[in-house]
Amino acid sequence: MVAPRSKYRAKPVVADGERFPSQAEFRRWNELRMLERAGVISGLERQKAFPLVIDGKPILIRSEGYPNGRKAKYTADFVYFENGERIVEEFKGKDTTESRLRRAVAEAIYGFRIRVTGRAA
């Protein structure tokens, strides 16, 4: 069986038991790990989920497979501290309307600004 092709032709990478959706995102992860080892950043996390909740109620995404809805979330590619400030970073090869909307909702709910890196930055 042939593995399905990525939507944007990105080549996934599996390293250290983790799957990265693209080689470029894997390179960015390695850059951030080097910065953490050098003491430039700290508290590096990957694939940090932020539930999208308004007034204590989760935002629900309804679809044919989830007629009652599934809880929406924003998943940051990387989260870390730089100069004492929490950085939420999204690595993008290609940006979409859906990803921009999800970032906007997360920024409105959590009050942070998402740093977009990669080709789509």
PDB file of N, CA and C in Angstrom:
ATOM      1  N   MET A   1       0.840  -1.186   0.000  1.00  0.00           N
ATOM      2  CA  MET A   1       0.000   0.000   0.000  1.00  0.00           C
ATOM      3  C   MET A   1       0.881   1.244   0.000  1.00  0.00           C
ATOM      4  N   VAL A   2       0.541   2.203  -0.817  1.00  0.00           N
ATOM      5  CA  VAL A   2       1.302   3.441  -0.931  1.00  0.00           C
ATOM      6  C   VAL A   2       0.742   4.448   0.060  1.00  0.00           C
ATOM      7  N   ALA A   3       1.633   5.107   0.797  1.00  0.00           N
ATOM      8  CA  ALA A   3       1.207   6.129   1.763  1.00  0.00           C
ATOM      9  C   ALA A   3       0.577   7.297   1.009  1.00  0.00           C
ATOM     10  N   PRO A   4      -0.467   7.895   1.573  1.00  0.00           N
ATOM     11  CA  PRO A   4      -1.104   9.021   0.898  1.00  0.00           C
ATOM     12  C   PRO A   4      -0.151  10.210   0.815  1.00  0.00           C
ATOM     13  N   ARG A   5      -0.240  10.952  -0.254  1.00  0.00           N
ATOM     14  CA  ARG A   5       0.606  12.119  -0.465  1.00  0.00           C
ATOM     15  C   ARG A   5       0.109  13.260   0.409  1.00  0.00           C
ATOM     16  N   SER A   6       1.045  14.032   0.925  1.00  0.00           N
ATOM     17  CA  SER A   6       0.708  15.198   1.731  1.00  0.00           C
ATOM     18  C   SER A   6      -0.066  16.203   0.886  1.00  0.00           C
ATOM     19  N   LYS A   7      -0.953  16.926   1.523  1.00  0.00           N
ATOM     20  CA  LYS A   7      -1.775  17.910   0.840  1.00  0.00           C
ATOM     21  C   LYS A   7      -0.922  18.934   0.088  1.00  0.00           C
ATOM     22  N   TYR A   8       0.184  19.343   0.690  1.00  0.00           N
ATOM     23  CA  TYR A   8       1.054  20.340   0.069  1.00  0.00           C
ATOM     24  C   TYR A   8       2.403  19.754  -0.343  1.00  0.00           C
ATOM     25  N   ARG A   9       2.449  18.431  -0.491  1.00  0.00           N
ATOM     26  CA  ARG A   9       3.630  17.692  -0.936  1.00  0.00           C
ATOM     27  C   ARG A   9       4.808  17.760   0.038  1.00  0.00           C
ATOM     28  N   ALA A  10       4.525  18.051   1.294  1.00  0.00           N
ATOM     29  CA  ALA A  10       5.580  18.040   2.307  1.00  0.00           C
ATOM     30  C   ALA A  10       5.966  16.594   2.589  1.00  0.00           C
ATOM     31  N   LYS A  11       7.229  16.388   2.868  1.00  0.00           N
ATOM     32  CA  LYS A  11       7.716  15.041   3.169  1.00  0.00           C
ATOM     33  C   LYS A  11       7.861  14.901   4.681  1.00  0.00           C
ATOM     34  N   PRO A  12       7.066  14.027   5.301  1.00  0.00           N
ATOM     35  CA  PRO A  12       7.159  13.875   6.756  1.00  0.00           C
ATOM     36  C   PRO A  12       8.490  13.253   7.177  1.00  0.00           C
ATOM     37  N   VAL A  13       8.861  13.550   8.414  1.00  0.00           N
ATOM     38  CA  VAL A  13      10.103  13.039   8.988  1.00  0.00           C
ATOM     39  C   VAL A  13       9.770  12.401  10.327  1.00  0.00           C
ATOM     40  N   VAL A  14      10.333  11.229  10.594  1.00  0.00           N
ATOM     41  CA  VAL A  14      10.221  10.610  11.913  1.00  0.00           C
ATOM     42  C   VAL A  14      11.618  10.605  12.505  1.00  0.00           C
ATOM     43  N   ALA A  15      11.772  11.262  13.657  1.00  0.00           N
ATOM     44  CA  ALA A  15      13.076  11.339  14.317  1.00  0.00           C
ATOM     45  C   ALA A  15      12.855  11.324  15.819  1.00  0.00           C
ATOM     46  N   ASP A  16      13.708  10.614  16.524  1.00  0.00           N
ATOM     47  CA  ASP A  16      13.618  10.509  17.986  1.00  0.00           C
ATOM     48  C   ASP A  16      12.223  10.064  18.435  1.00  0.00           C
ATOM     49  N   GLY A  17      11.595   9.220  17.612  1.00  0.00           N
ATOM     50  CA  GLY A  17      10.274   8.702  17.958  1.00  0.00           C
ATOM     51  C   GLY A  17       9.146   9.692  17.755  1.00  0.00           C
ATOM     52  N   GLU A  18       9.418  10.835  17.153  1.00  0.00           N
ATOM     53  CA  GLU A  18       8.387  11.842  16.906  1.00  0.00           C
ATOM     54  C   GLU A  18       8.212  12.036  15.414  1.00  0.00           C
ATOM     55  N   ARG A  19       6.972  12.346  15.020  1.00  0.00           N
ATOM     56  CA  ARG A  19       6.671  12.570  13.602  1.00  0.00           C
ATOM     57  C   ARG A  19       6.531  14.066  13.365  1.00  0.00           C
ATOM     58  N   PHE A  20       7.195  14.547  12.347  1.00  0.00           N
ATOM     59  CA  PHE A  20       7.120  15.949  11.942  1.00  0.00           C
ATOM     60  C   PHE A  20       6.471  15.978  10.560  1.00  0.00           C
ATOM     61  N   PRO A  21       5.532  16.887  10.331  1.00  0.00           N
ATOM     62  CA  PRO A  21       4.824  16.893   9.049  1.00  0.00           C
ATOM     63  C   PRO A  21       5.682  17.301   7.854  1.00  0.00           C
ATOM     64  N   SER A  22       6.836  17.938   8.132  1.00  0.00           N
ATOM     65  CA  SER A  22       7.700  18.329   7.020  1.00  0.00           C
ATOM     66  C   SER A  22       9.155  18.374   7.477  1.00  0.00           C
ATOM     67  N   GLN A  23      10.045  18.299   6.506  1.00  0.00           N
ATOM     68  CA  GLN A  23      11.468  18.403   6.802  1.00  0.00           C
ATOM     69  C   GLN A  23      11.799  19.798   7.320  1.00  0.00           C
ATOM     70  N   ALA A  24      11.116  20.805   6.784  1.00  0.00           N
ATOM     71  CA  ALA A  24      11.362  22.184   7.212  1.00  0.00           C
ATOM     72  C   ALA A  24      10.983  22.378   8.682  1.00  0.00           C
ATOM     73  N   GLU A  25       9.843  21.806   9.094  1.00  0.00           N
ATOM     74  CA  GLU A  25       9.449  21.922  10.500  1.00  0.00           C
ATOM     75  C   GLU A  25      10.429  21.169  11.396  1.00  0.00           C
ATOM     76  N   PHE A  26      10.943  20.055  10.953  1.00  0.00           N
ATOM     77  CA  PHE A  26      11.950  19.305  11.706  1.00  0.00           C
ATOM     78  C   PHE A  26      13.223  20.139  11.863  1.00  0.00           C
ATOM     79  N   ARG A  27      13.636  20.829  10.786  1.00  0.00           N
ATOM     80  CA  ARG A  27      14.817  21.704  10.869  1.00  0.00           C
ATOM     81  C   ARG A  27      14.586  22.823  11.883  1.00  0.00           C
ATOM     82  N   ARG A  28      13.380  23.412  11.875  1.00  0.00           N
ATOM     83  CA  ARG A  28      13.078  24.486  12.828  1.00  0.00           C
ATOM     84  C   ARG A  28      13.142  23.956  14.250  1.00  0.00           C
ATOM     85  N   TRP A  29      12.630  22.754  14.488  1.00  0.00           N
ATOM     86  CA  TRP A  29      12.689  22.125  15.804  1.00  0.00           C
ATOM     87  C   TRP A  29      14.138  21.992  16.265  1.00  0.00           C
ATOM     88  N   ASN A  30      15.002  21.548  15.367  1.00  0.00           N
ATOM     89  CA  ASN A  30      16.417  21.401  15.705  1.00  0.00           C
ATOM     90  C   ASN A  30      17.075  22.750  16.000  1.00  0.00           C
ATOM     91  N   GLU A  31      16.692  23.782  15.248  1.00  0.00           N
ATOM     92  CA  GLU A  31      17.202  25.136  15.527  1.00  0.00           C
ATOM     93  C   GLU A  31      16.809  25.576  16.935  1.00  0.00           C
ATOM     94  N   LEU A  32      15.535  25.369  17.275  1.00  0.00           N
ATOM     95  CA  LEU A  32      15.048  25.771  18.592  1.00  0.00           C
ATOM     96  C   LEU A  32      15.730  24.971  19.705  1.00  0.00           C
ATOM     97  N   ARG A  33      15.974  23.680  19.466  1.00  0.00           N
ATOM     98  CA  ARG A  33      16.675  22.864  20.482  1.00  0.00           C
ATOM     99  C   ARG A  33      18.091  23.378  20.697  1.00  0.00           C
ATOM    100  N   MET A  34      18.762  23.800  19.617  1.00  0.00           N
ATOM    101  CA  MET A  34      20.109  24.372  19.757  1.00  0.00           C
ATOM    102  C   MET A  34      20.058  25.684  20.546  1.00  0.00           C
ATOM    103  N   LEU A  35      19.053  26.518  20.266  1.00  0.00           N
ATOM    104  CA  LEU A  35      18.903  27.775  21.004  1.00  0.00           C
ATOM    105  C   LEU A  35      18.635  27.511  22.486  1.00  0.00           C
ATOM    106  N   GLU A  36      17.873  26.450  22.772  1.00  0.00           N
ATOM    107  CA  GLU A  36      17.601  26.106  24.165  1.00  0.00           C
ATOM    108  C   GLU A  36      18.887  25.633  24.858  1.00  0.00           C
ATOM    109  N   ARG A  37      19.649  24.807  24.182  1.00  0.00           N
ATOM    110  CA  ARG A  37      20.922  24.330  24.762  1.00  0.00           C
ATOM    111  C   ARG A  37      21.893  25.496  24.991  1.00  0.00           C
ATOM    112  N   ALA A  38      21.832  26.505  24.130  1.00  0.00           N
ATOM    113  CA  ALA A  38      22.710  27.672  24.259  1.00  0.00           C
ATOM    114  C   ALA A  38      22.203  28.658  25.307  1.00  0.00           C
ATOM    115  N   GLY A  39      20.999  28.419  25.842  1.00  0.00           N
ATOM    116  CA  GLY A  39      20.457  29.297  26.867  1.00  0.00           C
ATOM    117  C   GLY A  39      19.730  30.524  26.334  1.00  0.00           C
ATOM    118  N   VAL A  40      19.520  30.585  25.021  1.00  0.00           N
ATOM    119  CA  VAL A  40      18.836  31.723  24.415  1.00  0.00           C
ATOM    120  C   VAL A  40      17.331  31.650  24.674  1.00  0.00           C
ATOM    121  N   ILE A  41      16.772  30.436  24.639  1.00  0.00           N
ATOM    122  CA  ILE A  41      15.357  30.214  24.950  1.00  0.00           C
ATOM    123  C   ILE A  41      15.274  29.129  26.018  1.00  0.00           C
ATOM    124  N   SER A  42      14.084  28.972  26.616  1.00  0.00           N
ATOM    125  CA  SER A  42      13.903  27.922  27.625  1.00  0.00           C
ATOM    126  C   SER A  42      12.474  27.384  27.554  1.00  0.00           C
ATOM    127  N   GLY A  43      12.263  26.236  28.201  1.00  0.00           N
ATOM    128  CA  GLY A  43      10.922  25.661  28.298  1.00  0.00           C
ATOM    129  C   GLY A  43      10.325  25.235  26.976  1.00  0.00           C
ATOM    130  N   LEU A  44      11.149  24.792  26.053  1.00  0.00           N
ATOM    131  CA  LEU A  44      10.692  24.433  24.707  1.00  0.00           C
ATOM    132  C   LEU A  44       9.719  23.253  24.751  1.00  0.00           C
ATOM    133  N   GLU A  45       8.542  23.452  24.141  1.00  0.00           N
ATOM    134  CA  GLU A  45       7.531  22.396  24.006  1.00  0.00           C
ATOM    135  C   GLU A  45       7.120  22.317  22.547  1.00  0.00           C
ATOM    136  N   ARG A  46       6.638  21.158  22.161  1.00  0.00           N
ATOM    137  CA  ARG A  46       6.186  20.921  20.794  1.00  0.00           C
ATOM    138  C   ARG A  46       4.747  20.428  20.813  1.00  0.00           C
ATOM    139  N   GLN A  47       3.952  20.872  19.838  1.00  0.00           N
ATOM    140  CA  GLN A  47       2.564  20.440  19.670  1.00  0.00           C
ATOM    141  C   GLN A  47       1.741  20.679  20.939  1.00  0.00           C
ATOM    142  N   LYS A  48       1.801  21.908  21.433  1.00  0.00           N
ATOM    143  CA  LYS A  48       1.060  22.307  22.637  1.00  0.00           C
ATOM    144  C   LYS A  48      -0.363  22.687  22.234  1.00  0.00           C
ATOM    145  N   ALA A  49      -1.336  22.018  22.841  1.00  0.00           N
ATOM    146  CA  ALA A  49      -2.751  22.252  22.501  1.00  0.00           C
ATOM    147  C   ALA A  49      -3.360  23.305  23.424  1.00  0.00           C
ATOM    148  N   PHE A  50      -4.137  24.195  22.838  1.00  0.00           N
ATOM    149  CA  PHE A  50      -4.882  25.209  23.558  1.00  0.00           C
ATOM    150  C   PHE A  50      -6.356  25.013  23.205  1.00  0.00           C
ATOM    151  N   PRO A  51      -7.181  24.548  24.162  1.00  0.00           N
ATOM    152  CA  PRO A  51      -8.606  24.372  23.859  1.00  0.00           C
ATOM    153  C   PRO A  51      -9.258  25.722  23.555  1.00  0.00           C
ATOM    154  N   LEU A  52     -10.143  25.751  22.593  1.00  0.00           N
ATOM    155  CA  LEU A  52     -10.843  26.984  22.236  1.00  0.00           C
ATOM    156  C   LEU A  52     -12.182  26.997  22.967  1.00  0.00           C
ATOM    157  N   VAL A  53     -12.240  27.844  23.998  1.00  0.00           N
ATOM    158  CA  VAL A  53     -13.389  27.901  24.897  1.00  0.00           C
ATOM    159  C   VAL A  53     -13.799  29.353  25.065  1.00  0.00           C
ATOM    160  N   ILE A  54     -15.103  29.625  25.008  1.00  0.00           N
ATOM    161  CA  ILE A  54     -15.639  30.972  25.223  1.00  0.00           C
ATOM    162  C   ILE A  54     -16.682  30.901  26.325  1.00  0.00           C
ATOM    163  N   ASP A  55     -16.538  31.759  27.331  1.00  0.00           N
ATOM    164  CA  ASP A  55     -17.449  31.790  28.479  1.00  0.00           C
ATOM    165  C   ASP A  55     -17.626  30.413  29.104  1.00  0.00           C
ATOM    166  N   GLY A  56     -16.542  29.672  29.194  1.00  0.00           N
ATOM    167  CA  GLY A  56     -16.574  28.352  29.819  1.00  0.00           C
ATOM    168  C   GLY A  56     -17.146  27.243  28.955  1.00  0.00           C
ATOM    169  N   LYS A  57     -17.553  27.572  27.729  1.00  0.00           N
ATOM    170  CA  LYS A  57     -18.119  26.565  26.828  1.00  0.00           C
ATOM    171  C   LYS A  57     -17.166  26.307  25.674  1.00  0.00           C
ATOM    172  N   PRO A  58     -16.888  25.039  25.386  1.00  0.00           N
ATOM    173  CA  PRO A  58     -15.994  24.752  24.262  1.00  0.00           C
ATOM    174  C   PRO A  58     -16.651  25.115  22.932  1.00  0.00           C
ATOM    175  N   ILE A  59     -15.849  25.614  22.025  1.00  0.00           N
ATOM    176  CA  ILE A  59     -16.310  25.830  20.658  1.00  0.00           C
ATOM    177  C   ILE A  59     -16.390  24.450  20.020  1.00  0.00           C
ATOM    178  N   LEU A  60     -17.523  24.134  19.425  1.00  0.00           N
ATOM    179  CA  LEU A  60     -17.722  22.814  18.833  1.00  0.00           C
ATOM    180  C   LEU A  60     -17.691  22.901  17.311  1.00  0.00           C
ATOM    181  N   ILE A  61     -16.978  21.966  16.710  1.00  0.00           N
ATOM    182  CA  ILE A  61     -16.945  21.858  15.250  1.00  0.00           C
ATOM    183  C   ILE A  61     -17.843  20.693  14.875  1.00  0.00           C
ATOM    184  N   ARG A  62     -18.922  21.010  14.200  1.00  0.00           N
ATOM    185  CA  ARG A  62     -19.872  19.971  13.795  1.00  0.00           C
ATOM    186  C   ARG A  62     -19.556  19.519  12.367  1.00  0.00           C
ATOM    187  N   SER A  63     -19.697  18.225  12.156  1.00  0.00           N
ATOM    188  CA  SER A  63     -19.479  17.658  10.826  1.00  0.00           C
ATOM    189  C   SER A  63     -20.303  16.382  10.726  1.00  0.00           C
ATOM    190  N   GLU A  64     -20.266  15.769   9.569  1.00  0.00           N
ATOM    191  CA  GLU A  64     -21.019  14.527   9.375  1.00  0.00           C
ATOM    192  C   GLU A  64     -20.560  13.462  10.375  1.00  0.00           C
ATOM    193  N   GLY A  65     -19.280  13.378  10.599  1.00  0.00           N
ATOM    194  CA  GLY A  65     -18.734  12.391  11.530  1.00  0.00           C
ATOM    195  C   GLY A  65     -18.949  12.755  12.992  1.00  0.00           C
ATOM    196  N   TYR A  66     -19.171  14.035  13.267  1.00  0.00           N
ATOM    197  CA  TYR A  66     -19.385  14.513  14.645  1.00  0.00           C
ATOM    198  C   TYR A  66     -20.636  15.389  14.685  1.00  0.00           C
ATOM    199  N   PRO A  67     -21.822  14.796  14.575  1.00  0.00           N
ATOM    200  CA  PRO A  67     -23.049  15.607  14.533  1.00  0.00           C
ATOM    201  C   PRO A  67     -23.274  16.428  15.809  1.00  0.00           C
ATOM    202  N   ASN A  68     -22.762  15.965  16.947  1.00  0.00           N
ATOM    203  CA  ASN A  68     -22.884  16.734  18.196  1.00  0.00           C
ATOM    204  C   ASN A  68     -21.710  17.680  18.390  1.00  0.00           C
ATOM    205  N   GLY A  69     -20.757  17.611  17.506  1.00  0.00           N
ATOM    206  CA  GLY A  69     -19.599  18.491  17.540  1.00  0.00           C
ATOM    207  C   GLY A  69     -18.425  17.887  18.285  1.00  0.00           C
ATOM    208  N   ARG A  70     -17.239  18.323  17.903  1.00  0.00           N
ATOM    209  CA  ARG A  70     -16.021  17.952  18.635  1.00  0.00           C
ATOM    210  C   ARG A  70     -15.369  19.246  19.084  1.00  0.00           C
ATOM    211  N   LYS A  71     -14.675  19.175  20.195  1.00  0.00           N
ATOM    212  CA  LYS A  71     -14.093  20.375  20.784  1.00  0.00           C
ATOM    213  C   LYS A  71     -12.971  20.911  19.902  1.00  0.00           C
ATOM    214  N   ALA A  72     -13.070  22.195  19.592  1.00  0.00           N
ATOM    215  CA  ALA A  72     -12.049  22.843  18.783  1.00  0.00           C
ATOM    216  C   ALA A  72     -10.840  23.161  19.647  1.00  0.00           C
ATOM    217  N   LYS A  73      -9.675  23.122  19.029  1.00  0.00           N
ATOM    218  CA  LYS A  73      -8.449  23.495  19.732  1.00  0.00           C
ATOM    219  C   LYS A  73      -7.485  24.103  18.730  1.00  0.00           C
ATOM    220  N   TYR A  74      -6.564  24.873  19.262  1.00  0.00           N
ATOM    221  CA  TYR A  74      -5.461  25.378  18.462  1.00  0.00           C
ATOM    222  C   TYR A  74      -4.221  24.655  18.968  1.00  0.00           C
ATOM    223  N   THR A  75      -3.462  24.042  18.079  1.00  0.00           N
ATOM    224  CA  THR A  75      -2.239  23.358  18.466  1.00  0.00           C
ATOM    225  C   THR A  75      -1.055  24.125  17.908  1.00  0.00           C
ATOM    226  N   ALA A  76      -0.256  24.671  18.813  1.00  0.00           N
ATOM    227  CA  ALA A  76       0.940  25.415  18.421  1.00  0.00           C
ATOM    228  C   ALA A  76       2.044  24.429  18.076  1.00  0.00           C
ATOM    229  N   ASP A  77       2.798  24.731  17.062  1.00  0.00           N
ATOM    230  CA  ASP A  77       3.920  23.864  16.717  1.00  0.00           C
ATOM    231  C   ASP A  77       4.974  23.900  17.820  1.00  0.00           C
ATOM    232  N   PHE A  78       5.278  25.111  18.306  1.00  0.00           N
ATOM    233  CA  PHE A  78       6.299  25.259  19.334  1.00  0.00           C
ATOM    234  C   PHE A  78       5.879  26.328  20.336  1.00  0.00           C
ATOM    235  N   VAL A  79       6.215  26.113  21.593  1.00  0.00           N
ATOM    236  CA  VAL A  79       6.015  27.109  22.645  1.00  0.00           C
ATOM    237  C   VAL A  79       7.296  27.141  23.457  1.00  0.00           C
ATOM    238  N   TYR A  80       7.773  28.349  23.758  1.00  0.00           N
ATOM    239  CA  TYR A  80       9.004  28.491  24.531  1.00  0.00           C
ATOM    240  C   TYR A  80       9.065  29.884  25.140  1.00  0.00           C
ATOM    241  N   PHE A  81      10.053  30.122  25.983  1.00  0.00           N
ATOM    242  CA  PHE A  81      10.268  31.420  26.590  1.00  0.00           C
ATOM    243  C   PHE A  81      11.533  32.030  26.004  1.00  0.00           C
ATOM    244  N   GLU A  82      11.417  33.313  25.630  1.00  0.00           N
ATOM    245  CA  GLU A  82      12.536  34.059  25.071  1.00  0.00           C
ATOM    246  C   GLU A  82      12.562  35.409  25.766  1.00  0.00           C
ATOM    247  N   ASN A  83      13.651  35.719  26.442  1.00  0.00           N
ATOM    248  CA  ASN A  83      13.761  36.969  27.212  1.00  0.00           C
ATOM    249  C   ASN A  83      12.603  37.125  28.196  1.00  0.00           C
ATOM    250  N   GLY A  84      12.196  36.023  28.817  1.00  0.00           N
ATOM    251  CA  GLY A  84      11.125  36.053  29.806  1.00  0.00           C
ATOM    252  C   GLY A  84       9.718  36.112  29.231  1.00  0.00           C
ATOM    253  N   GLU A  85       9.586  36.175  27.923  1.00  0.00           N
ATOM    254  CA  GLU A  85       8.277  36.255  27.263  1.00  0.00           C
ATOM    255  C   GLU A  85       7.920  34.901  26.658  1.00  0.00           C
ATOM    256  N   ARG A  86       6.660  34.508  26.857  1.00  0.00           N
ATOM    257  CA  ARG A  86       6.184  33.248  26.269  1.00  0.00           C
ATOM    258  C   ARG A  86       5.946  33.461  24.786  1.00  0.00           C
ATOM    259  N   ILE A  87       6.570  32.606  23.977  1.00  0.00           N
ATOM    260  CA  ILE A  87       6.420  32.670  22.529  1.00  0.00           C
ATOM    261  C   ILE A  87       5.620  31.455  22.085  1.00  0.00           C
ATOM    262  N   VAL A  88       4.560  31.710  21.342  1.00  0.00           N
ATOM    263  CA  VAL A  88       3.755  30.653  20.734  1.00  0.00           C
ATOM    264  C   VAL A  88       4.042  30.761  19.242  1.00  0.00           C
ATOM    265  N   GLU A  89       4.613  29.691  18.680  1.00  0.00           N
ATOM    266  CA  GLU A  89       5.087  29.744  17.298  1.00  0.00           C
ATOM    267  C   GLU A  89       4.378  28.724  16.423  1.00  0.00           C
ATOM    268  N   GLU A  90       4.007  29.189  15.254  1.00  0.00           N
ATOM    269  CA  GLU A  90       3.382  28.340  14.234  1.00  0.00           C
ATOM    270  C   GLU A  90       4.319  28.312  13.040  1.00  0.00           C
ATOM    271  N   PHE A  91       4.762  27.130  12.645  1.00  0.00           N
ATOM    272  CA  PHE A  91       5.628  26.995  11.481  1.00  0.00           C
ATOM    273  C   PHE A  91       4.749  26.652  10.290  1.00  0.00           C
ATOM    274  N   LYS A  92       4.801  27.472   9.245  1.00  0.00           N
ATOM    275  CA  LYS A  92       3.933  27.269   8.094  1.00  0.00           C
ATOM    276  C   LYS A  92       4.722  27.225   6.802  1.00  0.00           C
ATOM    277  N   GLY A  93       4.496  26.188   6.016  1.00  0.00           N
ATOM    278  CA  GLY A  93       5.008  26.146   4.656  1.00  0.00           C
ATOM    279  C   GLY A  93       4.020  26.857   3.747  1.00  0.00           C
ATOM    280  N   LYS A  94       2.736  26.599   3.985  1.00  0.00           N
ATOM    281  CA  LYS A  94       1.656  27.248   3.248  1.00  0.00           C
ATOM    282  C   LYS A  94       0.564  27.588   4.244  1.00  0.00           C
ATOM    283  N   ASP A  95       0.141  28.824   4.228  1.00  0.00           N
ATOM    284  CA  ASP A  95      -0.908  29.256   5.155  1.00  0.00           C
ATOM    285  C   ASP A  95      -2.267  29.112   4.476  1.00  0.00           C
ATOM    286  N   THR A  96      -3.277  28.827   5.275  1.00  0.00           N
ATOM    287  CA  THR A  96      -4.630  28.671   4.747  1.00  0.00           C
ATOM    288  C   THR A  96      -5.581  29.582   5.502  1.00  0.00           C
ATOM    289  N   THR A  97      -6.747  29.800   4.938  1.00  0.00           N
ATOM    290  CA  THR A  97      -7.765  30.607   5.602  1.00  0.00           C
ATOM    291  C   THR A  97      -8.146  29.981   6.938  1.00  0.00           C
ATOM    292  N   GLU A  98      -8.270  28.656   6.966  1.00  0.00           N
ATOM    293  CA  GLU A  98      -8.637  27.970   8.203  1.00  0.00           C
ATOM    294  C   GLU A  98      -7.579  28.170   9.288  1.00  0.00           C
ATOM    295  N   SER A  99      -6.309  28.060   8.928  1.00  0.00           N
ATOM    296  CA  SER A  99      -5.265  28.218   9.947  1.00  0.00           C
ATOM    297  C   SER A  99      -5.197  29.663  10.438  1.00  0.00           C
ATOM    298  N   ARG A 100      -5.406  30.633   9.562  1.00  0.00           N
ATOM    299  CA  ARG A 100      -5.424  32.040   9.995  1.00  0.00           C
ATOM    300  C   ARG A 100      -6.586  32.293  10.943  1.00  0.00           C
ATOM    301  N   LEU A 101      -7.760  31.724  10.644  1.00  0.00           N
ATOM    302  CA  LEU A 101      -8.917  31.894  11.512  1.00  0.00           C
ATOM    303  C   LEU A 101      -8.686  31.249  12.875  1.00  0.00           C
ATOM    304  N   ARG A 102      -8.151  30.049  12.885  1.00  0.00           N
ATOM    305  CA  ARG A 102      -7.897  29.353  14.143  1.00  0.00           C
ATOM    306  C   ARG A 102      -6.887  30.136  14.995  1.00  0.00           C
ATOM    307  N   ARG A 103      -5.850  30.683  14.356  1.00  0.00           N
ATOM    308  CA  ARG A 103      -4.879  31.505  15.090  1.00  0.00           C
ATOM    309  C   ARG A 103      -5.542  32.745  15.658  1.00  0.00           C
ATOM    310  N   ALA A 104      -6.395  33.393  14.863  1.00  0.00           N
ATOM    311  CA  ALA A 104      -7.072  34.606  15.317  1.00  0.00           C
ATOM    312  C   ALA A 104      -7.954  34.322  16.534  1.00  0.00           C
ATOM    313  N   VAL A 105      -8.665  33.202  16.513  1.00  0.00           N
ATOM    314  CA  VAL A 105      -9.525  32.835  17.644  1.00  0.00           C
ATOM    315  C   VAL A 105      -8.670  32.555  18.876  1.00  0.00           C
ATOM    316  N   ALA A 106      -7.583  31.806  18.712  1.00  0.00           N
ATOM    317  CA  ALA A 106      -6.696  31.504  19.844  1.00  0.00           C
ATOM    318  C   ALA A 106      -6.101  32.787  20.418  1.00  0.00           C
ATOM    319  N   GLU A 107      -5.669  33.701  19.560  1.00  0.00           N
ATOM    320  CA  GLU A 107      -5.113  34.970  20.035  1.00  0.00           C
ATOM    321  C   GLU A 107      -6.154  35.770  20.812  1.00  0.00           C
ATOM    322  N   ALA A 108      -7.400  35.780  20.328  1.00  0.00           N
ATOM    323  CA  ALA A 108      -8.462  36.526  21.016  1.00  0.00           C
ATOM    324  C   ALA A 108      -8.783  35.916  22.379  1.00  0.00           C
ATOM    325  N   ILE A 109      -8.803  34.600  22.449  1.00  0.00           N
ATOM    326  CA  ILE A 109      -9.143  33.925  23.704  1.00  0.00           C
ATOM    327  C   ILE A 109      -8.009  34.026  24.715  1.00  0.00           C
ATOM    328  N   TYR A 110      -6.790  33.774  24.284  1.00  0.00           N
ATOM    329  CA  TYR A 110      -5.656  33.663  25.213  1.00  0.00           C
ATOM    330  C   TYR A 110      -4.856  34.954  25.378  1.00  0.00           C
ATOM    331  N   GLY A 111      -5.043  35.916  24.485  1.00  0.00           N
ATOM    332  CA  GLY A 111      -4.350  37.191  24.619  1.00  0.00           C
ATOM    333  C   GLY A 111      -2.885  37.172  24.226  1.00  0.00           C
ATOM    334  N   PHE A 112      -2.428  36.108  23.568  1.00  0.00           N
ATOM    335  CA  PHE A 112      -1.053  36.110  23.091  1.00  0.00           C
ATOM    336  C   PHE A 112      -1.041  36.332  21.590  1.00  0.00           C
ATOM    337  N   ARG A 113       0.126  36.700  21.092  1.00  0.00           N
ATOM    338  CA  ARG A 113       0.322  36.869  19.649  1.00  0.00           C
ATOM    339  C   ARG A 113       1.095  35.654  19.155  1.00  0.00           C
ATOM    340  N   ILE A 114       0.633  35.037  18.100  1.00  0.00           N
ATOM    341  CA  ILE A 114       1.289  33.846  17.555  1.00  0.00           C
ATOM    342  C   ILE A 114       2.321  34.288  16.523  1.00  0.00           C
ATOM    343  N   ARG A 115       3.538  33.822  16.712  1.00  0.00           N
ATOM    344  CA  ARG A 115       4.628  34.129  15.786  1.00  0.00           C
ATOM    345  C   ARG A 115       4.586  33.089  14.666  1.00  0.00           C
ATOM    346  N   VAL A 116       4.425  33.556  13.433  1.00  0.00           N
ATOM    347  CA  VAL A 116       4.392  32.643  12.283  1.00  0.00           C
ATOM    348  C   VAL A 116       5.778  32.650  11.644  1.00  0.00           C
ATOM    349  N   THR A 117       6.348  31.459  11.501  1.00  0.00           N
ATOM    350  CA  THR A 117       7.654  31.306  10.871  1.00  0.00           C
ATOM    351  C   THR A 117       7.526  30.353   9.695  1.00  0.00           C
ATOM    352  N   GLY A 118       8.562  30.232   8.896  1.00  0.00           N
ATOM    353  CA  GLY A 118       8.533  29.354   7.742  1.00  0.00           C
ATOM    354  C   GLY A 118       8.332  30.147   6.480  1.00  0.00           C
ATOM    355  N   ARG A 119       8.043  29.447   5.408  1.00  0.00           N
ATOM    356  CA  ARG A 119       7.870  30.122   4.106  1.00  0.00           C
ATOM    357  C   ARG A 119       6.663  31.032   4.072  1.00  0.00           C
ATOM    358  N   ALA A 120       5.606  30.698   4.814  1.00  0.00           N
ATOM    359  CA  ALA A 120       4.369  31.472   4.759  1.00  0.00           C
ATOM    360  C   ALA A 120       4.405  32.672   5.706  1.00  0.00           C
ATOM    361  N   ALA A 121       5.526  32.874   6.394  1.00  0.00           N
ATOM    362  CA  ALA A 121       5.611  33.971   7.379  1.00  0.00           C
ATOM    363  C   ALA A 121       5.606  35.323   6.723  1.00  0.00           C
TER     364      ALA A 121
END
